[in-house]
Protein backbone atom coordinates (compact mmCIF):
# COMPACT_ATOMS: atom_id res chain seq x y z
CA MET A 1 -53.98 16.60 34.41
CA HIS A 2 -53.54 20.38 34.29
CA ASN A 3 -49.84 20.33 35.14
CA SER A 4 -49.00 17.14 33.29
CA LYS A 5 -46.00 16.94 31.01
CA VAL A 6 -48.15 15.95 28.06
CA LEU A 7 -50.41 19.02 28.34
CA ASN A 8 -47.42 21.30 28.80
CA LEU A 9 -45.91 19.84 25.63
CA LEU A 10 -49.16 19.96 23.63
CA LYS A 11 -49.59 23.64 24.55
CA THR A 12 -46.44 24.36 22.54
CA PHE A 13 -47.88 22.83 19.35
CA THR A 14 -49.15 25.17 16.65
CA LYS A 15 -52.66 24.55 15.35
CA ASP A 16 -51.25 22.69 12.33
CA GLU A 17 -48.87 20.64 14.46
CA PHE A 18 -51.69 19.66 16.81
CA ARG A 19 -53.86 18.59 13.87
CA GLU A 20 -50.99 16.62 12.32
CA PHE A 21 -50.25 15.05 15.68
CA GLY A 22 -53.85 13.78 15.66
CA LEU A 23 -53.17 12.06 12.34
CA PHE A 24 -49.97 10.65 13.82
CA VAL A 25 -51.88 9.28 16.83
CA GLU A 26 -54.52 7.73 14.57
CA SER A 27 -51.91 6.05 12.35
CA PRO A 28 -51.71 2.31 13.03
CA PHE A 29 -48.03 2.50 12.09
CA TYR A 30 -47.29 4.59 15.20
CA ASN A 31 -50.14 3.67 17.53
CA ARG A 32 -52.33 0.61 17.87
CA GLU A 33 -54.06 1.63 21.11
CA SER A 34 -57.58 2.97 20.61
CA VAL A 35 -57.58 4.44 24.13
CA ILE A 36 -54.76 6.79 23.09
CA ILE A 37 -56.82 7.97 20.13
CA ARG A 38 -59.77 8.59 22.45
CA LEU A 39 -57.52 10.52 24.86
CA TYR A 40 -56.28 12.72 22.01
CA LYS A 41 -59.88 13.40 20.92
CA ILE A 42 -60.86 14.36 24.47
CA LEU A 43 -57.89 16.71 24.78
CA LYS A 44 -58.56 18.16 21.34
CA GLU A 45 -61.75 19.75 22.69
CA TYR A 46 -59.65 21.86 25.09
CA TYR A 47 -56.75 22.81 22.82
CA PRO A 48 -54.82 25.16 23.10
CA GLU A 49 -55.37 26.27 26.72
CA PHE A 50 -56.33 22.94 28.32
CA GLU A 51 -57.90 24.91 31.19
CA SER A 52 -61.14 23.11 31.99
CA ILE A 53 -62.37 21.48 35.16
CA SER A 54 -63.29 18.56 32.88
CA LEU A 55 -59.59 17.82 32.45
CA GLN A 56 -59.21 16.37 35.92
CA LYS A 57 -57.78 12.86 35.74
CA LYS A 58 -60.88 11.20 37.17
CA SER A 59 -63.17 12.95 34.66
CA VAL A 60 -61.00 11.99 31.72
CA PHE A 61 -60.63 8.44 33.04
CA SER A 62 -64.41 8.01 33.18
CA LYS A 63 -64.61 9.01 29.50
CA LEU A 64 -61.80 6.67 28.50
CA TYR A 65 -62.89 3.72 30.61
CA PRO A 66 -66.62 4.17 31.26
CA HIS A 67 -67.15 0.79 32.93
CA LYS A 68 -64.11 0.82 35.22
CA HIS A 69 -63.49 2.29 38.63
CA TYR A 70 -60.80 4.94 38.70
CA ASN A 71 -57.31 3.46 38.55
CA ASP A 72 -54.57 6.06 38.90
CA ALA A 73 -51.82 3.75 37.64
CA LEU A 74 -53.77 2.97 34.47
CA MET A 75 -54.49 6.67 33.92
CA ARG A 76 -50.83 7.61 34.42
CA ASN A 77 -49.78 4.90 31.94
CA THR A 78 -52.28 6.12 29.36
CA ILE A 79 -51.07 9.72 29.75
CA SER A 80 -47.48 8.52 29.53
CA ASP A 81 -48.23 6.65 26.31
CA LEU A 82 -49.64 9.82 24.75
CA LEU A 83 -46.58 11.78 25.91
CA SER A 84 -44.33 9.17 24.33
CA LEU A 85 -46.22 9.52 21.03
CA ALA A 86 -45.93 13.32 21.21
CA GLU A 87 -42.17 13.00 21.64
CA LYS A 88 -41.97 10.58 18.70
CA TYR A 89 -44.02 13.01 16.61
CA LEU A 90 -41.60 15.84 17.41
CA LYS A 91 -38.64 13.65 16.42
CA TYR A 92 -40.47 12.74 13.20
CA ILE A 93 -41.16 16.33 12.16
CA GLN A 94 -37.64 17.38 13.13
CA SER A 95 -36.11 14.68 10.94
CA ALA A 96 -38.46 15.57 8.06
CA SER A 97 -37.29 19.18 7.96
């Protein structure tokens, strides 16, 4: 996950933006997928550098889906969903200012 688009985008967030993005992710108005909330919470532990060996896709997958065998397509979709929410959040804060 180290070179993923979502991590590269999240690295640009200020501390306040990252915290507010967490509220955005947890809002049922914008997101109804609990796995996306769990992914945000996992990534939150590594903000702002996101430079841990624990951020390998397989490690994160095992935290998100503890009873499933690794599925790269599912992991890519989950990451993509978080990226999509991050982009929506940026559009939201841009329109609010």
